[in-house]
Amino acid sequence: MIIKTITYLFFLLAIFSCRNYARIDYDKNFEHERKQINDIVILPIVFYEFDSNEDLKNSESKEKELLESMDLAFTNLNKKVIYTDSFKSNKVPEYLNHLVPLQKDIIRSSDLHQDPYMFSFDDKKMTRKFFVQTPKIQPDYLDFSEKYNTPYVIFIGIFSNKGKSFHYIILADIEKSEIIYRRLNFINKKITRSNLYPVVYNSLIEIFNE
């Protein structure tokens, strides 16, 4: 599933190779619901890039930098977050039984509700639209929601290739079994430690409408 998504994202990077562009899709009720979001579970993040041998690798050092930027951004936005990346490294049952299936489910549903034709090819830097059909996930995660006392989970990742980057944020309400917000950023440069925080913060502030 993740390889299919990566292939698709790099195809989109080729389309938007000469400019920055952001596509935002959200549920029709999101403007109201965003005001209720205080606590959020952060699903294990991903940061993929090509190494010197042109092999796609998961960069643990870059993931650490991404986590640091996310932590600072959420702190500045006064949002309480629950991180789960430590579950991934320790392979605890919660990671295998809840986080992996939920993460795959969110990716699957997001993939089913996007294609190259959904993107604007004019000179806009950002497009906002309602979901034509709100992406659904499986209704199997209520226990997870009750444990952390919040229905909101967010999945954040970055893919980098030859000086171009793709950054995405997907926010789901697991009590409603829906993806309620998705932002896809196409960035015409390599994401580094020096520019990572502005990318993350500017994307998150859009969710909370600060």
N, C-alpha and C. Protein backbone atom coordinates (compact mmCIF):
# COMPACT_ATOMS: atom_id res chain seq x y z
N MET A 1 0.82 -1.21 0.00
CA MET A 1 0.00 0.00 0.00
C MET A 1 0.86 1.26 0.00
N ILE A 2 1.88 1.31 0.88
CA ILE A 2 2.69 2.51 0.96
C ILE A 2 3.51 2.71 -0.30
N ILE A 3 3.96 1.62 -0.96
CA ILE A 3 4.73 1.75 -2.20
C ILE A 3 3.85 2.31 -3.30
N LYS A 4 2.62 1.87 -3.39
CA LYS A 4 1.69 2.41 -4.37
C LYS A 4 1.50 3.90 -4.16
N THR A 5 1.37 4.31 -2.92
CA THR A 5 1.18 5.72 -2.60
C THR A 5 2.41 6.52 -2.99
N ILE A 6 3.60 6.01 -2.68
CA ILE A 6 4.84 6.71 -3.01
C ILE A 6 4.96 6.90 -4.52
N THR A 7 4.66 5.86 -5.29
CA THR A 7 4.72 5.96 -6.74
C THR A 7 3.80 7.06 -7.25
N TYR A 8 2.61 7.10 -6.69
CA TYR A 8 1.63 8.11 -7.08
C TYR A 8 2.13 9.51 -6.72
N LEU A 9 2.71 9.67 -5.54
CA LEU A 9 3.16 10.98 -5.09
C LEU A 9 4.30 11.49 -5.96
N PHE A 10 5.21 10.61 -6.34
CA PHE A 10 6.31 11.05 -7.20
C PHE A 10 5.81 11.41 -8.60
N PHE A 11 4.75 10.77 -9.05
CA PHE A 11 4.13 11.17 -10.31
C PHE A 11 3.60 12.59 -10.21
N LEU A 12 2.98 12.92 -9.08
CA LEU A 12 2.46 14.26 -8.87
C LEU A 12 3.60 15.27 -8.73
N LEU A 13 4.69 14.84 -8.11
CA LEU A 13 5.85 15.74 -8.00
C LEU A 13 6.33 16.15 -9.40
N ALA A 14 6.29 15.22 -10.33
CA ALA A 14 6.70 15.52 -11.70
C ALA A 14 5.76 16.55 -12.33
N ILE A 15 4.46 16.43 -12.03
CA ILE A 15 3.48 17.37 -12.58
C ILE A 15 3.74 18.78 -12.07
N PHE A 16 4.03 18.90 -10.78
CA PHE A 16 4.20 20.21 -10.16
C PHE A 16 5.68 20.52 -9.92
N SER A 17 6.53 20.08 -10.83
CA SER A 17 7.98 20.16 -10.61
C SER A 17 8.53 21.57 -10.64
N CYS A 18 7.78 22.53 -11.16
CA CYS A 18 8.32 23.88 -11.33
C CYS A 18 7.68 24.91 -10.40
N ARG A 19 6.79 24.49 -9.51
CA ARG A 19 6.15 25.46 -8.65
C ARG A 19 5.66 24.81 -7.36
N ASN A 20 5.43 25.65 -6.36
CA ASN A 20 4.82 25.19 -5.12
C ASN A 20 3.30 25.20 -5.29
N TYR A 21 2.68 24.22 -4.68
CA TYR A 21 1.22 24.13 -4.80
C TYR A 21 0.67 23.38 -3.61
N ALA A 22 -0.48 23.82 -3.12
CA ALA A 22 -1.15 23.14 -2.01
C ALA A 22 -2.58 22.84 -2.40
N ARG A 23 -3.00 21.60 -2.16
CA ARG A 23 -4.38 21.19 -2.40
C ARG A 23 -4.98 20.78 -1.07
N ILE A 24 -6.10 21.39 -0.71
CA ILE A 24 -6.78 21.10 0.54
C ILE A 24 -8.19 20.60 0.25
N ASP A 25 -8.52 19.44 0.82
CA ASP A 25 -9.88 18.90 0.71
C ASP A 25 -10.40 18.69 2.12
N TYR A 26 -11.68 18.96 2.32
CA TYR A 26 -12.23 18.82 3.67
C TYR A 26 -13.72 18.51 3.62
N ASP A 27 -14.20 17.94 4.71
CA ASP A 27 -15.61 17.61 4.84
C ASP A 27 -16.44 18.89 5.00
N LYS A 28 -17.67 18.84 4.55
CA LYS A 28 -18.53 20.04 4.59
C LYS A 28 -18.78 20.53 6.01
N ASN A 29 -18.62 19.67 7.01
CA ASN A 29 -18.82 20.06 8.40
C ASN A 29 -17.52 20.45 9.11
N PHE A 30 -16.43 20.49 8.37
CA PHE A 30 -15.13 20.69 9.01
C PHE A 30 -14.99 22.07 9.63
N GLU A 31 -15.55 23.11 9.01
CA GLU A 31 -15.42 24.46 9.55
C GLU A 31 -15.95 24.53 10.97
N HIS A 32 -17.01 23.79 11.25
CA HIS A 32 -17.55 23.73 12.61
C HIS A 32 -16.71 22.81 13.50
N GLU A 33 -16.34 21.66 12.95
CA GLU A 33 -15.67 20.65 13.76
C GLU A 33 -14.27 21.08 14.18
N ARG A 34 -13.60 21.87 13.34
CA ARG A 34 -12.22 22.26 13.68
C ARG A 34 -12.14 23.00 15.01
N LYS A 35 -13.22 23.69 15.39
CA LYS A 35 -13.23 24.45 16.64
C LYS A 35 -13.24 23.53 17.86
N GLN A 36 -13.58 22.26 17.66
CA GLN A 36 -13.67 21.32 18.77
C GLN A 36 -12.39 20.50 18.95
N ILE A 37 -11.44 20.68 18.05
CA ILE A 37 -10.24 19.85 18.09
C ILE A 37 -9.23 20.42 19.09
N ASN A 38 -8.99 19.69 20.14
CA ASN A 38 -8.00 20.09 21.14
C ASN A 38 -6.93 19.00 21.32
N ASP A 39 -7.37 17.77 21.53
CA ASP A 39 -6.45 16.66 21.72
C ASP A 39 -6.38 15.85 20.43
N ILE A 40 -5.16 15.46 20.05
CA ILE A 40 -4.96 14.74 18.79
C ILE A 40 -3.94 13.63 19.00
N VAL A 41 -4.21 12.46 18.46
CA VAL A 41 -3.24 11.37 18.45
C VAL A 41 -2.44 11.47 17.15
N ILE A 42 -1.12 11.49 17.28
CA ILE A 42 -0.24 11.56 16.12
C ILE A 42 0.17 10.15 15.72
N LEU A 43 -0.26 9.70 14.57
CA LEU A 43 0.14 8.39 14.08
C LEU A 43 1.62 8.41 13.71
N PRO A 44 2.30 7.25 13.73
CA PRO A 44 3.72 7.22 13.37
C PRO A 44 3.97 7.90 12.02
N ILE A 45 4.90 8.84 12.02
CA ILE A 45 5.18 9.62 10.82
C ILE A 45 6.11 8.87 9.88
N VAL A 46 6.22 9.36 8.64
CA VAL A 46 7.15 8.77 7.67
C VAL A 46 7.89 9.89 6.96
N PHE A 47 9.16 9.63 6.65
CA PHE A 47 9.98 10.55 5.86
C PHE A 47 10.81 9.69 4.92
N TYR A 48 10.43 9.70 3.65
CA TYR A 48 11.12 8.89 2.65
C TYR A 48 11.91 9.79 1.72
N GLU A 49 13.11 9.34 1.34
CA GLU A 49 13.90 10.05 0.36
C GLU A 49 14.83 9.08 -0.34
N PHE A 50 15.33 9.49 -1.50
CA PHE A 50 16.27 8.65 -2.23
C PHE A 50 17.69 8.87 -1.70
N ASP A 51 18.43 7.79 -1.55
CA ASP A 51 19.81 7.91 -1.10
C ASP A 51 20.73 8.09 -2.30
N SER A 52 22.05 8.07 -2.07
CA SER A 52 23.02 8.29 -3.14
C SER A 52 22.98 7.22 -4.22
N ASN A 53 22.43 6.06 -3.89
CA ASN A 53 22.30 4.97 -4.86
C ASN A 53 20.94 4.96 -5.55
N GLU A 54 20.19 6.04 -5.36
CA GLU A 54 18.85 6.15 -5.96
C GLU A 54 17.87 5.10 -5.43
N ASP A 55 18.12 4.64 -4.20
CA ASP A 55 17.19 3.72 -3.55
C ASP A 55 16.32 4.50 -2.57
N LEU A 56 15.04 4.20 -2.58
CA LEU A 56 14.12 4.88 -1.67
C LEU A 56 14.29 4.34 -0.26
N LYS A 57 14.56 5.25 0.68
CA LYS A 57 14.83 4.85 2.05
C LYS A 57 13.96 5.63 3.03
N ASN A 58 13.65 4.97 4.12
CA ASN A 58 12.97 5.62 5.23
C ASN A 58 14.06 6.25 6.10
N SER A 59 14.05 7.57 6.25
CA SER A 59 15.10 8.28 6.96
C SER A 59 14.71 8.50 8.42
N GLU A 60 15.32 7.74 9.33
CA GLU A 60 15.01 7.89 10.75
C GLU A 60 15.49 9.23 11.30
N SER A 61 16.63 9.71 10.80
CA SER A 61 17.13 11.00 11.29
C SER A 61 16.20 12.14 10.87
N LYS A 62 15.69 12.06 9.64
CA LYS A 62 14.75 13.10 9.17
C LYS A 62 13.41 12.98 9.90
N GLU A 63 13.01 11.76 10.23
CA GLU A 63 11.77 11.60 10.99
C GLU A 63 11.91 12.24 12.37
N LYS A 64 13.08 12.14 12.97
CA LYS A 64 13.32 12.77 14.27
C LYS A 64 13.20 14.29 14.14
N GLU A 65 13.76 14.85 13.07
CA GLU A 65 13.67 16.29 12.85
C GLU A 65 12.22 16.71 12.61
N LEU A 66 11.48 15.88 11.88
CA LEU A 66 10.07 16.17 11.63
C LEU A 66 9.27 16.16 12.93
N LEU A 67 9.55 15.19 13.79
CA LEU A 67 8.86 15.12 15.09
C LEU A 67 9.16 16.36 15.93
N GLU A 68 10.41 16.80 15.92
CA GLU A 68 10.79 17.98 16.69
C GLU A 68 10.04 19.22 16.19
N SER A 69 9.94 19.35 14.87
CA SER A 69 9.22 20.49 14.29
C SER A 69 7.74 20.42 14.59
N MET A 70 7.17 19.22 14.53
CA MET A 70 5.76 19.04 14.86
C MET A 70 5.49 19.40 16.31
N ASP A 71 6.36 18.95 17.21
CA ASP A 71 6.19 19.22 18.63
C ASP A 71 6.20 20.71 18.90
N LEU A 72 7.13 21.42 18.28
CA LEU A 72 7.21 22.88 18.45
C LEU A 72 5.96 23.56 17.88
N ALA A 73 5.51 23.09 16.72
CA ALA A 73 4.34 23.70 16.08
C ALA A 73 3.09 23.50 16.92
N PHE A 74 2.86 22.28 17.41
CA PHE A 74 1.67 22.02 18.22
C PHE A 74 1.74 22.79 19.54
N THR A 75 2.94 22.92 20.10
CA THR A 75 3.10 23.71 21.33
C THR A 75 2.71 25.16 21.09
N ASN A 76 3.17 25.71 19.98
CA ASN A 76 2.85 27.10 19.66
C ASN A 76 1.37 27.30 19.32
N LEU A 77 0.71 26.22 18.91
CA LEU A 77 -0.72 26.29 18.61
C LEU A 77 -1.59 25.93 19.82
N ASN A 78 -0.92 25.62 20.94
CA ASN A 78 -1.61 25.27 22.19
C ASN A 78 -2.52 24.06 22.03
N LYS A 79 -2.03 23.05 21.34
CA LYS A 79 -2.79 21.82 21.15
C LYS A 79 -2.09 20.67 21.88
N LYS A 80 -2.90 19.83 22.52
CA LYS A 80 -2.38 18.68 23.23
C LYS A 80 -2.30 17.49 22.27
N VAL A 81 -1.14 16.89 22.18
CA VAL A 81 -0.97 15.78 21.25
C VAL A 81 -0.41 14.56 21.97
N ILE A 82 -0.77 13.39 21.45
CA ILE A 82 -0.27 12.12 21.96
C ILE A 82 0.56 11.48 20.87
N TYR A 83 1.86 11.33 21.11
CA TYR A 83 2.75 10.77 20.09
C TYR A 83 2.80 9.25 20.20
N THR A 84 2.91 8.58 19.07
CA THR A 84 2.91 7.12 19.04
C THR A 84 4.13 6.55 18.34
N ASP A 85 5.08 7.39 17.95
CA ASP A 85 6.24 6.87 17.21
C ASP A 85 7.06 5.90 18.04
N SER A 86 7.09 6.07 19.36
CA SER A 86 7.86 5.14 20.20
C SER A 86 7.26 3.74 20.14
N PHE A 87 5.94 3.65 19.87
CA PHE A 87 5.31 2.34 19.74
C PHE A 87 5.87 1.60 18.54
N LYS A 88 6.20 2.37 17.48
CA LYS A 88 6.71 1.77 16.25
C LYS A 88 8.06 1.12 16.49
N SER A 89 8.96 1.83 17.16
CA SER A 89 10.30 1.30 17.39
C SER A 89 10.29 0.12 18.34
N ASN A 90 9.36 0.13 19.29
CA ASN A 90 9.30 -0.96 20.27
C ASN A 90 8.39 -2.11 19.85
N LYS A 91 7.62 -1.90 18.76
CA LYS A 91 6.71 -2.92 18.24
C LYS A 91 5.76 -3.44 19.33
N VAL A 92 5.23 -2.52 20.11
CA VAL A 92 4.31 -2.92 21.17
C VAL A 92 3.00 -3.37 20.53
N PRO A 93 2.20 -4.18 21.26
CA PRO A 93 0.94 -4.68 20.69
C PRO A 93 0.02 -3.57 20.16
N GLU A 94 0.02 -2.43 20.84
CA GLU A 94 -0.85 -1.34 20.39
C GLU A 94 -0.47 -0.87 18.99
N TYR A 95 0.83 -0.88 18.70
CA TYR A 95 1.29 -0.49 17.37
C TYR A 95 0.80 -1.48 16.32
N LEU A 96 0.95 -2.77 16.62
CA LEU A 96 0.60 -3.81 15.65
C LEU A 96 -0.92 -3.97 15.52
N ASN A 97 -1.64 -3.83 16.62
CA ASN A 97 -3.07 -4.12 16.60
C ASN A 97 -3.95 -2.92 16.25
N HIS A 98 -3.43 -1.72 16.50
CA HIS A 98 -4.26 -0.54 16.25
C HIS A 98 -3.63 0.43 15.25
N LEU A 99 -2.38 0.82 15.51
CA LEU A 99 -1.79 1.88 14.71
C LEU A 99 -1.53 1.47 13.27
N VAL A 100 -0.96 0.30 13.06
CA VAL A 100 -0.68 -0.15 11.69
C VAL A 100 -1.96 -0.29 10.87
N PRO A 101 -2.98 -1.01 11.38
CA PRO A 101 -4.22 -1.11 10.61
C PRO A 101 -4.88 0.25 10.36
N LEU A 102 -4.87 1.14 11.36
CA LEU A 102 -5.48 2.45 11.20
C LEU A 102 -4.72 3.27 10.16
N GLN A 103 -3.40 3.25 10.23
CA GLN A 103 -2.59 4.00 9.28
C GLN A 103 -2.83 3.50 7.86
N LYS A 104 -2.84 2.20 7.67
CA LYS A 104 -3.08 1.62 6.35
C LYS A 104 -4.49 1.96 5.85
N ASP A 105 -5.45 1.95 6.75
CA ASP A 105 -6.83 2.25 6.39
C ASP A 105 -6.96 3.69 5.92
N ILE A 106 -6.31 4.61 6.61
CA ILE A 106 -6.35 6.02 6.23
C ILE A 106 -5.69 6.22 4.86
N ILE A 107 -4.55 5.58 4.64
CA ILE A 107 -3.88 5.70 3.35
C ILE A 107 -4.76 5.13 2.24
N ARG A 108 -5.34 3.97 2.50
CA ARG A 108 -6.20 3.32 1.50
C ARG A 108 -7.37 4.23 1.12
N SER A 109 -8.04 4.76 2.12
CA SER A 109 -9.20 5.60 1.85
C SER A 109 -8.80 6.88 1.13
N SER A 110 -7.68 7.47 1.53
CA SER A 110 -7.22 8.68 0.87
C SER A 110 -6.87 8.40 -0.59
N ASP A 111 -6.21 7.27 -0.83
CA ASP A 111 -5.84 6.91 -2.21
C ASP A 111 -7.07 6.75 -3.09
N LEU A 112 -8.13 6.20 -2.53
CA LEU A 112 -9.35 5.95 -3.30
C LEU A 112 -10.08 7.24 -3.66
N HIS A 113 -9.73 8.32 -2.99
CA HIS A 113 -10.42 9.58 -3.22
C HIS A 113 -9.48 10.66 -3.76
N GLN A 114 -8.56 10.25 -4.60
CA GLN A 114 -7.72 11.22 -5.29
C GLN A 114 -7.21 10.61 -6.59
N ASP A 115 -6.99 11.49 -7.55
CA ASP A 115 -6.42 11.11 -8.84
C ASP A 115 -5.84 12.37 -9.46
N PRO A 116 -5.01 12.26 -10.49
CA PRO A 116 -4.36 13.45 -11.06
C PRO A 116 -5.33 14.52 -11.53
N TYR A 117 -6.54 14.13 -11.88
CA TYR A 117 -7.49 15.09 -12.43
C TYR A 117 -8.15 15.96 -11.38
N MET A 118 -7.89 15.66 -10.10
CA MET A 118 -8.48 16.47 -9.04
C MET A 118 -7.70 17.75 -8.83
N PHE A 119 -6.51 17.86 -9.45
CA PHE A 119 -5.66 19.02 -9.21
C PHE A 119 -5.86 20.10 -10.25
N SER A 120 -5.74 21.34 -9.80
CA SER A 120 -5.87 22.48 -10.69
C SER A 120 -4.56 22.69 -11.43
N PHE A 121 -4.66 23.01 -12.71
CA PHE A 121 -3.46 23.22 -13.51
C PHE A 121 -3.31 24.69 -13.92
N ASP A 122 -4.01 25.58 -13.23
CA ASP A 122 -3.82 27.00 -13.50
C ASP A 122 -2.69 27.52 -12.63
N ASP A 123 -2.61 28.83 -12.44
CA ASP A 123 -1.48 29.42 -11.71
C ASP A 123 -1.76 29.60 -10.23
N LYS A 124 -2.81 28.99 -9.71
CA LYS A 124 -3.09 29.10 -8.29
C LYS A 124 -1.99 28.45 -7.46
N LYS A 125 -1.74 29.02 -6.30
CA LYS A 125 -0.79 28.42 -5.36
C LYS A 125 -1.48 27.50 -4.37
N MET A 126 -2.81 27.66 -4.24
CA MET A 126 -3.55 26.83 -3.31
C MET A 126 -4.99 26.67 -3.80
N THR A 127 -5.52 25.47 -3.64
CA THR A 127 -6.91 25.20 -3.97
C THR A 127 -7.58 24.54 -2.78
N ARG A 128 -8.75 25.04 -2.40
CA ARG A 128 -9.54 24.46 -1.32
C ARG A 128 -10.87 23.99 -1.88
N LYS A 129 -11.23 22.76 -1.55
CA LYS A 129 -12.50 22.21 -2.03
C LYS A 129 -13.08 21.24 -1.01
N PHE A 130 -14.41 21.12 -1.02
CA PHE A 130 -15.04 20.07 -0.25
C PHE A 130 -14.75 18.73 -0.90
N PHE A 131 -14.67 17.68 -0.08
CA PHE A 131 -14.63 16.34 -0.64
C PHE A 131 -15.90 16.12 -1.47
N VAL A 132 -15.75 15.55 -2.65
CA VAL A 132 -16.92 15.17 -3.43
C VAL A 132 -17.70 14.11 -2.66
N GLN A 133 -16.96 13.19 -2.07
CA GLN A 133 -17.51 12.17 -1.18
C GLN A 133 -16.53 12.00 -0.03
N THR A 134 -16.99 12.20 1.19
CA THR A 134 -16.09 12.12 2.34
C THR A 134 -15.48 10.73 2.44
N PRO A 135 -14.14 10.63 2.46
CA PRO A 135 -13.48 9.31 2.55
C PRO A 135 -13.81 8.61 3.86
N LYS A 136 -14.15 7.36 3.76
CA LYS A 136 -14.52 6.56 4.93
C LYS A 136 -13.40 5.61 5.32
N ILE A 137 -13.27 5.37 6.63
CA ILE A 137 -12.37 4.33 7.12
C ILE A 137 -13.21 3.31 7.88
N GLN A 138 -12.60 2.19 8.23
CA GLN A 138 -13.33 1.13 8.90
C GLN A 138 -13.75 1.57 10.31
N PRO A 139 -14.93 1.16 10.77
CA PRO A 139 -15.40 1.54 12.11
C PRO A 139 -14.87 0.60 13.20
N ASP A 140 -13.55 0.42 13.20
CA ASP A 140 -12.96 -0.58 14.09
C ASP A 140 -12.07 0.02 15.17
N TYR A 141 -12.13 1.34 15.38
CA TYR A 141 -11.13 1.97 16.23
C TYR A 141 -11.72 2.73 17.41
N LEU A 142 -12.94 2.41 17.79
CA LEU A 142 -13.57 3.13 18.89
C LEU A 142 -12.84 2.93 20.21
N ASP A 143 -12.31 1.72 20.43
CA ASP A 143 -11.54 1.47 21.66
C ASP A 143 -10.32 2.38 21.73
N PHE A 144 -9.70 2.58 20.60
CA PHE A 144 -8.53 3.45 20.52
C PHE A 144 -8.92 4.88 20.86
N SER A 145 -10.07 5.32 20.36
CA SER A 145 -10.57 6.66 20.64
C SER A 145 -10.88 6.83 22.13
N GLU A 146 -11.50 5.82 22.72
CA GLU A 146 -11.85 5.89 24.14
C GLU A 146 -10.61 5.90 25.03
N LYS A 147 -9.60 5.15 24.64
CA LYS A 147 -8.38 5.09 25.45
C LYS A 147 -7.72 6.45 25.57
N TYR A 148 -7.66 7.19 24.45
CA TYR A 148 -6.97 8.47 24.44
C TYR A 148 -7.92 9.66 24.59
N ASN A 149 -9.21 9.36 24.75
CA ASN A 149 -10.21 10.39 25.01
C ASN A 149 -10.25 11.46 23.92
N THR A 150 -10.06 11.04 22.68
CA THR A 150 -10.20 11.95 21.54
C THR A 150 -10.48 11.13 20.29
N PRO A 151 -11.34 11.61 19.42
CA PRO A 151 -11.61 10.88 18.18
C PRO A 151 -10.65 11.26 17.05
N TYR A 152 -9.77 12.25 17.31
CA TYR A 152 -8.98 12.81 16.22
C TYR A 152 -7.59 12.19 16.14
N VAL A 153 -7.25 11.72 14.95
CA VAL A 153 -5.90 11.21 14.68
C VAL A 153 -5.37 11.90 13.44
N ILE A 154 -4.08 12.13 13.42
CA ILE A 154 -3.48 12.83 12.29
C ILE A 154 -2.27 12.05 11.78
N PHE A 155 -2.16 11.98 10.47
CA PHE A 155 -1.08 11.24 9.82
C PHE A 155 -0.29 12.24 8.98
N ILE A 156 1.01 12.34 9.24
CA ILE A 156 1.87 13.33 8.58
C ILE A 156 3.07 12.62 7.96
N GLY A 157 3.39 12.99 6.74
CA GLY A 157 4.54 12.38 6.07
C GLY A 157 5.18 13.31 5.06
N ILE A 158 6.42 12.98 4.71
CA ILE A 158 7.17 13.73 3.69
C ILE A 158 7.88 12.74 2.78
N PHE A 159 7.84 13.03 1.48
CA PHE A 159 8.59 12.27 0.49
C PHE A 159 9.45 13.26 -0.29
N SER A 160 10.72 12.93 -0.48
CA SER A 160 11.64 13.85 -1.13
C SER A 160 12.36 13.15 -2.27
N ASN A 161 12.49 13.86 -3.39
CA ASN A 161 13.12 13.27 -4.56
C ASN A 161 13.76 14.36 -5.41
N LYS A 162 15.09 14.33 -5.53
CA LYS A 162 15.83 15.21 -6.44
C LYS A 162 15.48 16.69 -6.25
N GLY A 163 15.50 17.12 -5.00
CA GLY A 163 15.27 18.53 -4.74
C GLY A 163 13.82 18.95 -4.73
N LYS A 164 12.91 18.01 -4.90
CA LYS A 164 11.48 18.28 -4.82
C LYS A 164 10.91 17.53 -3.63
N SER A 165 9.87 18.08 -3.02
CA SER A 165 9.31 17.44 -1.83
C SER A 165 7.79 17.43 -1.87
N PHE A 166 7.25 16.42 -1.24
CA PHE A 166 5.80 16.28 -1.11
C PHE A 166 5.50 16.08 0.36
N HIS A 167 4.66 16.95 0.91
CA HIS A 167 4.32 16.92 2.33
C HIS A 167 2.81 16.80 2.45
N TYR A 168 2.34 15.90 3.28
CA TYR A 168 0.91 15.73 3.40
C TYR A 168 0.49 15.59 4.85
N ILE A 169 -0.75 16.00 5.10
CA ILE A 169 -1.39 15.87 6.40
C ILE A 169 -2.79 15.32 6.18
N ILE A 170 -3.13 14.27 6.89
CA ILE A 170 -4.46 13.70 6.80
C ILE A 170 -5.03 13.61 8.22
N LEU A 171 -6.17 14.23 8.43
CA LEU A 171 -6.83 14.26 9.73
C LEU A 171 -8.11 13.43 9.66
N ALA A 172 -8.26 12.49 10.59
CA ALA A 172 -9.44 11.62 10.59
C ALA A 172 -10.17 11.69 11.93
N ASP A 173 -11.47 11.52 11.86
CA ASP A 173 -12.31 11.38 13.05
C ASP A 173 -12.70 9.91 13.12
N ILE A 174 -12.12 9.16 14.06
CA ILE A 174 -12.34 7.71 14.07
C ILE A 174 -13.68 7.33 14.72
N GLU A 175 -14.33 8.26 15.38
CA GLU A 175 -15.67 7.98 15.87
C GLU A 175 -16.69 8.05 14.74
N LYS A 176 -16.47 8.97 13.82
CA LYS A 176 -17.33 9.07 12.63
C LYS A 176 -16.84 8.16 11.51
N SER A 177 -15.64 7.60 11.67
CA SER A 177 -15.03 6.75 10.63
C SER A 177 -14.87 7.51 9.32
N GLU A 178 -14.33 8.72 9.43
CA GLU A 178 -14.18 9.58 8.25
C GLU A 178 -12.84 10.31 8.26
N ILE A 179 -12.32 10.55 7.07
CA ILE A 179 -11.24 11.52 6.89
C ILE A 179 -11.92 12.87 6.73
N ILE A 180 -11.59 13.82 7.59
CA ILE A 180 -12.30 15.09 7.57
C ILE A 180 -11.48 16.23 6.96
N TYR A 181 -10.16 16.00 6.79
CA TYR A 181 -9.30 17.05 6.24
C TYR A 181 -8.06 16.41 5.63
N ARG A 182 -7.65 16.94 4.48
CA ARG A 182 -6.41 16.46 3.86
C ARG A 182 -5.73 17.63 3.16
N ARG A 183 -4.45 17.77 3.43
CA ARG A 183 -3.66 18.80 2.75
C ARG A 183 -2.47 18.13 2.08
N LEU A 184 -2.26 18.45 0.81
CA LEU A 184 -1.14 17.94 0.03
C LEU A 184 -0.30 19.13 -0.42
N ASN A 185 0.95 19.18 0.01
CA ASN A 185 1.85 20.27 -0.36
C ASN A 185 2.91 19.78 -1.35
N PHE A 186 3.01 20.44 -2.49
CA PHE A 186 4.08 20.15 -3.44
C PHE A 186 5.09 21.29 -3.34
N ILE A 187 6.32 20.97 -2.95
CA ILE A 187 7.31 21.98 -2.63
C ILE A 187 8.49 21.86 -3.60
N ASN A 188 8.78 22.94 -4.29
CA ASN A 188 9.79 22.93 -5.34
C ASN A 188 11.20 23.12 -4.78
N LYS A 189 11.50 22.41 -3.70
CA LYS A 189 12.85 22.41 -3.15
C LYS A 189 12.95 21.27 -2.15
N LYS A 190 14.14 20.96 -1.75
CA LYS A 190 14.37 19.91 -0.78
C LYS A 190 14.03 20.43 0.62
N ILE A 191 13.35 19.62 1.40
CA ILE A 191 13.05 19.99 2.77
C ILE A 191 14.25 19.66 3.65
N THR A 192 14.74 20.66 4.38
CA THR A 192 15.89 20.50 5.26
C THR A 192 15.50 20.93 6.67
N ARG A 193 16.42 20.76 7.59
CA ARG A 193 16.14 21.16 8.97
C ARG A 193 15.78 22.64 9.05
N SER A 194 16.41 23.48 8.24
CA SER A 194 16.20 24.93 8.32
C SER A 194 14.82 25.37 7.82
N ASN A 195 14.23 24.63 6.88
CA ASN A 195 12.92 25.06 6.37
C ASN A 195 11.79 24.12 6.77
N LEU A 196 12.09 23.11 7.58
CA LEU A 196 11.08 22.12 7.95
C LEU A 196 9.99 22.71 8.84
N TYR A 197 10.38 23.48 9.84
CA TYR A 197 9.39 24.02 10.76
C TYR A 197 8.35 24.90 10.08
N PRO A 198 8.75 25.86 9.23
CA PRO A 198 7.73 26.68 8.56
C PRO A 198 6.75 25.86 7.73
N VAL A 199 7.24 24.82 7.07
CA VAL A 199 6.36 23.96 6.28
C VAL A 199 5.32 23.30 7.18
N VAL A 200 5.77 22.75 8.30
CA VAL A 200 4.87 22.05 9.21
C VAL A 200 3.90 23.03 9.87
N TYR A 201 4.42 24.12 10.39
CA TYR A 201 3.57 25.08 11.11
C TYR A 201 2.51 25.69 10.20
N ASN A 202 2.91 26.13 9.01
CA ASN A 202 1.96 26.76 8.10
C ASN A 202 0.86 25.79 7.66
N SER A 203 1.19 24.51 7.60
CA SER A 203 0.18 23.52 7.24
C SER A 203 -0.78 23.26 8.40
N LEU A 204 -0.26 23.19 9.61
CA LEU A 204 -1.11 22.93 10.77
C LEU A 204 -1.99 24.12 11.13
N ILE A 205 -1.49 25.32 10.97
CA ILE A 205 -2.28 26.50 11.34
C ILE A 205 -3.50 26.60 10.46
N GLU A 206 -3.41 26.08 9.24
CA GLU A 206 -4.57 26.07 8.34
C GLU A 206 -5.70 25.21 8.91
N ILE A 207 -5.34 24.12 9.57
CA ILE A 207 -6.36 23.23 10.15
C ILE A 207 -7.13 23.94 11.25
N PHE A 208 -6.42 24.62 12.11
CA PHE A 208 -7.05 25.21 13.28
C PHE A 208 -7.53 26.63 13.06
N ASN A 209 -7.25 27.15 11.86
CA ASN A 209 -7.77 28.46 11.47
C ASN A 209 -7.37 29.55 12.45
N GLU A 210 -6.11 29.48 12.87
CA GLU A 210 -5.64 30.45 13.85
C GLU A 210 -5.47 31.83 13.21
